[in-house]
Amino acid sequence: MDINISYHRGETDPGNGPVRVGWLLSKVDAPVIYDAPRRVNSRDARRTHAKAASRCPAVLNVESRYFEIPCPIDVNIGFDRDKEGRAILRNLAGDGSTVRAGKLGKMLTLVAEKEWRYPDRPVVQMKLPYLFVCDEPVYLTQLDAYMHYRRQPLPGTIFAGRFPIHLWPRPLMWAFEWHDITKPLVIQRGDPLFYCQFDADGPDRSTQLVEAEMTPELQTYLDHISGAVNYVNQTFALFEAAERARPQHLLSPKVK
């Protein structure tokens, strides 16, 4: 697809220096529980030895390109079926759950069974308010937090995805495909749900993540593209139409 819009890229050559990506939260209850995206790094690794793996340029280069989205709540759920055979989720934490049942049900949902990719693998989704915006062509790739060690491995895999945040900024969704339904899905608050990688117009450009403001222009654009997935199957086919409605500036760094 040809990109015709004149994107604002600052005064410097966009081929040099980091690409600036803004992050913000859409309207959500209790925004304080959603921590800022974190750059992946070996926080507790020893670096005293010159040949330590934690000082390897290749390792550091990979880590520098990922940002992790932390889980906002404690999750301890199981898969079950009710008396009518309908698929349901059970909060295994019971009265010890840190999240009220009504709120947990709004954040974690079981996808309708007819929409599962495989008949024996339920799909669970967690709605998240994270938005990423950019004023030059950038693709976001959402993938598993494969460098994070879990004492209790997840009983399945997450859905990966890739889309252009300069044309299609939207709240992210964590989607999980449950392979072994005999095992619970357990995630601790603060553990990474997934990684985000940002691809600009060159393999050598790093990413500078900045907190952004929800401006009237950005809100109007979000309203213009939101909900499209409910009406069409191929939202990528709408990118040209979205581009025509896109204002020149969407990213406005938050003033602190």
Protein backbone atom coordinates (compact mmCIF):
# COMPACT_ATOMS: atom_id res chain seq x y z
CA MET A 1 0.00 0.00 0.00
CA ASP A 2 1.34 3.44 -0.90
CA ILE A 3 1.63 5.92 1.95
CA ASN A 4 0.70 9.34 0.58
CA ILE A 5 0.18 11.33 3.75
CA SER A 6 2.96 13.71 4.75
CA TYR A 7 3.85 12.42 8.19
CA HIS A 8 5.56 14.70 10.68
CA ARG A 9 8.98 13.28 11.48
CA GLY A 10 10.66 16.15 13.23
CA GLU A 11 13.54 18.28 12.05
CA THR A 12 16.08 15.48 11.77
CA ASP A 13 16.44 12.85 9.05
CA PRO A 14 13.95 10.06 9.96
CA GLY A 15 16.55 7.52 8.89
CA ASN A 16 18.77 8.58 11.77
CA GLY A 17 18.15 8.35 15.48
CA PRO A 18 15.34 6.59 17.32
CA VAL A 19 11.75 6.49 16.16
CA ARG A 20 9.46 8.16 18.69
CA VAL A 21 6.41 6.15 19.71
CA GLY A 22 3.81 7.45 22.13
CA TRP A 23 1.89 5.31 24.60
CA LEU A 24 -1.23 6.17 26.57
CA LEU A 25 -4.28 4.59 28.14
CA SER A 26 -7.75 4.79 26.68
CA LYS A 27 -10.65 5.51 29.02
CA VAL A 28 -10.71 2.75 31.63
CA ASP A 29 -11.71 2.04 35.23
CA ALA A 30 -8.87 2.26 37.77
CA PRO A 31 -6.11 3.36 35.37
CA VAL A 32 -3.64 3.25 38.28
CA ILE A 33 -3.42 -0.56 38.01
CA TYR A 34 -1.95 -0.33 34.50
CA ASP A 35 1.80 0.18 34.78
CA ALA A 36 3.82 1.84 32.03
CA PRO A 37 5.31 -0.40 29.34
CA ARG A 38 8.79 -1.52 30.35
CA ARG A 39 11.84 -2.02 28.19
CA VAL A 40 12.96 -5.64 28.48
CA ASN A 41 16.28 -6.14 30.24
CA SER A 42 18.07 -8.62 32.47
CA ARG A 43 17.41 -6.61 35.61
CA ASP A 44 19.08 -8.93 38.10
CA ALA A 45 21.83 -10.33 35.89
CA ARG A 46 25.45 -10.11 36.98
CA ARG A 47 27.59 -7.81 34.83
CA THR A 48 30.89 -7.88 36.69
CA HIS A 49 32.66 -10.26 34.32
CA ALA A 50 33.71 -8.86 30.95
CA LYS A 51 32.44 -11.98 29.17
CA ALA A 52 29.14 -12.22 31.03
CA ALA A 53 26.17 -12.99 28.80
CA SER A 54 24.38 -9.98 30.26
CA ARG A 55 27.03 -7.75 28.61
CA CYS A 56 26.88 -9.42 25.20
CA PRO A 57 26.06 -6.78 22.53
CA ALA A 58 23.81 -9.21 20.66
CA VAL A 59 21.80 -9.97 23.82
CA LEU A 60 21.53 -6.30 24.72
CA ASN A 61 20.46 -5.43 21.17
CA VAL A 62 17.60 -7.93 21.26
CA GLU A 63 16.41 -6.83 24.70
CA SER A 64 16.50 -3.16 23.74
CA ARG A 65 13.97 -3.76 20.96
CA TYR A 66 11.24 -5.21 23.16
CA PHE A 67 8.84 -3.49 25.52
CA GLU A 68 6.78 -5.63 27.87
CA ILE A 69 3.19 -5.02 28.91
CA PRO A 70 2.70 -6.07 32.55
CA CYS A 71 -0.39 -7.93 33.71
CA PRO A 72 -2.59 -5.53 35.72
CA ILE A 73 -4.24 -8.19 37.93
CA ASP A 74 -3.69 -11.58 39.53
CA VAL A 75 -5.17 -14.31 37.34
CA ASN A 76 -6.01 -17.82 38.54
CA ILE A 77 -8.77 -19.30 36.41
CA GLY A 78 -9.82 -22.72 35.19
CA PHE A 79 -11.84 -23.93 32.22
CA ASP A 80 -15.07 -25.81 32.79
CA ARG A 81 -18.51 -26.51 31.34
CA ASP A 82 -21.84 -25.87 33.01
CA LYS A 83 -24.76 -28.33 33.25
CA GLU A 84 -25.85 -27.43 29.73
CA GLY A 85 -22.37 -28.09 28.36
CA ARG A 86 -21.54 -24.46 27.73
CA ALA A 87 -17.91 -23.40 28.10
CA ILE A 88 -17.26 -21.21 31.16
CA LEU A 89 -14.38 -19.79 33.19
CA ARG A 90 -14.03 -20.43 36.93
CA ASN A 91 -12.16 -18.15 39.32
CA LEU A 92 -10.03 -20.70 41.15
CA ALA A 93 -8.90 -18.15 43.73
CA GLY A 94 -12.42 -18.06 45.15
CA ASP A 95 -12.83 -15.80 48.16
CA GLY A 96 -9.07 -15.25 48.14
CA SER A 97 -9.19 -13.50 44.79
CA THR A 98 -7.78 -9.97 44.73
CA VAL A 99 -10.28 -9.03 42.01
CA ARG A 100 -14.04 -8.82 42.53
CA ALA A 101 -15.91 -11.34 40.41
CA GLY A 102 -17.85 -8.70 38.50
CA LYS A 103 -14.71 -6.83 37.52
CA LEU A 104 -12.80 -9.99 36.60
CA GLY A 105 -15.60 -11.00 34.24
CA LYS A 106 -15.34 -7.66 32.45
CA MET A 107 -11.58 -7.93 31.95
CA LEU A 108 -11.29 -11.64 31.11
CA THR A 109 -13.73 -13.16 28.64
CA LEU A 110 -14.09 -16.52 26.96
CA VAL A 111 -14.46 -16.18 23.19
CA ALA A 112 -17.58 -17.80 21.72
CA GLU A 113 -16.86 -21.47 21.07
CA LYS A 114 -17.71 -21.26 17.37
CA GLU A 115 -14.90 -18.71 16.95
CA TRP A 116 -12.13 -20.92 18.39
CA ARG A 117 -9.45 -21.95 15.92
CA TYR A 118 -9.58 -25.54 17.18
CA PRO A 119 -12.59 -27.24 18.81
CA ASP A 120 -10.57 -28.41 21.82
CA ARG A 121 -8.65 -25.17 22.46
CA PRO A 122 -10.64 -22.43 24.19
CA VAL A 123 -9.63 -18.82 23.56
CA VAL A 124 -9.51 -16.31 26.41
CA GLN A 125 -9.15 -12.57 25.93
CA MET A 126 -8.10 -9.78 28.28
CA LYS A 127 -9.12 -6.26 27.35
CA LEU A 128 -6.35 -3.74 27.84
CA PRO A 129 -6.39 0.08 27.50
CA TYR A 130 -2.86 0.47 26.07
CA LEU A 131 -2.65 2.58 22.92
CA PHE A 132 0.45 3.26 20.81
CA VAL A 133 0.65 6.14 18.33
CA CYS A 134 3.27 7.42 15.94
CA ASP A 135 3.62 10.15 13.33
CA GLU A 136 5.65 8.13 10.86
CA PRO A 137 5.13 4.64 9.40
CA VAL A 138 5.70 2.12 12.22
CA TYR A 139 4.43 -1.42 12.68
CA LEU A 140 3.84 -2.94 16.10
CA THR A 141 4.43 -6.67 16.52
CA GLN A 142 2.82 -8.27 19.55
CA LEU A 143 4.44 -11.54 20.62
CA ASP A 144 4.90 -13.88 23.55
CA ALA A 145 7.11 -12.83 26.48
CA TYR A 146 9.42 -15.71 25.66
CA MET A 147 12.36 -14.47 27.76
CA HIS A 148 10.33 -14.41 30.96
CA TYR A 149 10.65 -17.52 33.15
CA ARG A 150 7.41 -18.70 34.73
CA ARG A 151 7.49 -21.11 37.66
CA GLN A 152 4.13 -22.36 36.46
CA PRO A 153 4.19 -22.45 32.64
CA LEU A 154 1.12 -21.23 30.80
CA PRO A 155 -1.06 -24.13 29.57
CA GLY A 156 -1.17 -22.75 26.05
CA THR A 157 0.06 -20.02 23.73
CA ILE A 158 -0.79 -16.40 23.03
CA PHE A 159 -1.89 -14.98 19.70
CA ALA A 160 0.77 -12.88 18.01
CA GLY A 161 -0.13 -10.00 15.70
CA ARG A 162 1.27 -7.15 13.65
CA PHE A 163 -0.37 -3.89 12.52
CA PRO A 164 0.56 -0.27 11.65
CA ILE A 165 0.14 2.06 14.62
CA HIS A 166 0.49 5.17 12.47
CA LEU A 167 -2.75 4.23 10.68
CA TRP A 168 -4.55 1.93 13.10
CA PRO A 169 -3.95 2.87 16.75
CA ARG A 170 -6.25 0.77 18.90
CA PRO A 171 -6.35 -0.63 22.44
CA LEU A 172 -4.38 -3.86 22.67
CA MET A 173 -5.91 -7.22 23.46
CA TRP A 174 -4.21 -10.20 25.10
CA ALA A 175 -5.55 -13.40 23.53
CA PHE A 176 -4.68 -16.84 24.89
CA GLU A 177 -5.27 -20.24 23.28
CA TRP A 178 -5.75 -22.85 26.01
CA HIS A 179 -4.12 -26.12 24.88
CA ASP A 180 -4.28 -28.08 28.15
CA ILE A 181 -7.62 -27.32 29.78
CA THR A 182 -6.84 -29.63 32.70
CA LYS A 183 -4.35 -27.06 33.98
CA PRO A 184 -5.18 -23.62 35.40
CA LEU A 185 -4.20 -20.32 33.81
CA VAL A 186 -2.13 -18.50 36.43
CA ILE A 187 -0.46 -15.09 35.94
CA GLN A 188 0.79 -12.81 38.69
CA ARG A 189 0.18 -9.09 38.62
CA GLY A 190 3.29 -7.40 37.20
CA ASP A 191 4.39 -10.39 35.12
CA PRO A 192 4.70 -9.58 31.41
CA LEU A 193 1.67 -10.52 29.33
CA PHE A 194 3.48 -10.02 26.02
CA TYR A 195 6.21 -8.07 24.25
CA CYS A 196 5.80 -5.21 21.79
CA GLN A 197 8.35 -4.67 19.03
CA PHE A 198 8.28 -1.58 16.81
CA ASP A 199 9.54 -1.68 13.21
CA ALA A 200 10.27 1.59 11.40
CA ASP A 201 12.03 2.31 8.11
CA GLY A 202 15.29 0.58 8.91
CA PRO A 203 16.65 -2.32 10.98
CA ASP A 204 19.07 -0.10 12.91
CA ARG A 205 16.60 2.40 14.35
CA SER A 206 15.83 2.05 18.02
CA THR A 207 12.56 3.06 19.66
CA GLN A 208 12.04 5.94 22.06
CA LEU A 209 8.84 5.36 24.01
CA VAL A 210 7.19 8.48 25.45
CA GLU A 211 3.96 8.96 27.37
CA ALA A 212 1.42 10.75 25.16
CA GLU A 213 -1.67 12.89 25.63
CA MET A 214 -5.18 12.06 24.47
CA THR A 215 -5.76 15.09 22.26
CA PRO A 216 -9.10 15.97 20.61
CA GLU A 217 -7.57 15.10 17.22
CA LEU A 218 -6.47 11.65 18.42
CA GLN A 219 -9.84 10.95 20.07
CA THR A 220 -11.70 11.93 16.91
CA TYR A 221 -9.49 9.63 14.83
CA LEU A 222 -9.93 6.75 17.28
CA ASP A 223 -13.70 7.21 17.11
CA HIS A 224 -13.47 7.11 13.32
CA ILE A 225 -11.78 3.69 13.18
CA SER A 226 -13.09 2.02 16.35
CA GLY A 227 -15.48 -0.89 16.08
CA ALA A 228 -14.64 -1.65 12.46
CA VAL A 229 -13.86 -5.29 13.33
CA ASN A 230 -17.55 -5.76 14.20
CA TYR A 231 -18.62 -4.96 10.64
CA VAL A 232 -15.89 -6.29 8.34
CA ASN A 233 -13.55 -9.28 8.37
CA GLN A 234 -10.52 -7.68 6.75
CA THR A 235 -9.81 -4.45 8.63
CA PHE A 236 -6.46 -4.11 6.81
CA ALA A 237 -8.48 -3.28 3.69
CA LEU A 238 -9.63 -0.11 5.47
CA PHE A 239 -6.15 1.35 5.89
CA GLU A 240 -6.41 3.56 2.80
CA ALA A 241 -9.70 5.01 4.00
CA ALA A 242 -8.24 5.54 7.47
CA GLU A 243 -5.21 7.27 5.96
CA ARG A 244 -7.41 9.78 4.18
CA ALA A 245 -9.07 10.74 7.46
CA ARG A 246 -5.86 10.81 9.48
CA PRO A 247 -4.68 14.21 10.75
CA GLN A 248 -1.03 15.05 10.24
CA HIS A 249 -0.23 14.87 13.96
CA LEU A 250 -1.46 12.19 16.35
CA LEU A 251 1.44 12.04 18.80
CA SER A 252 1.51 14.72 21.46
CA PRO A 253 4.03 13.96 24.25
CA LYS A 254 2.65 14.43 27.74
CA VAL A 255 3.99 17.47 29.57
CA LYS A 256 5.14 16.56 33.07
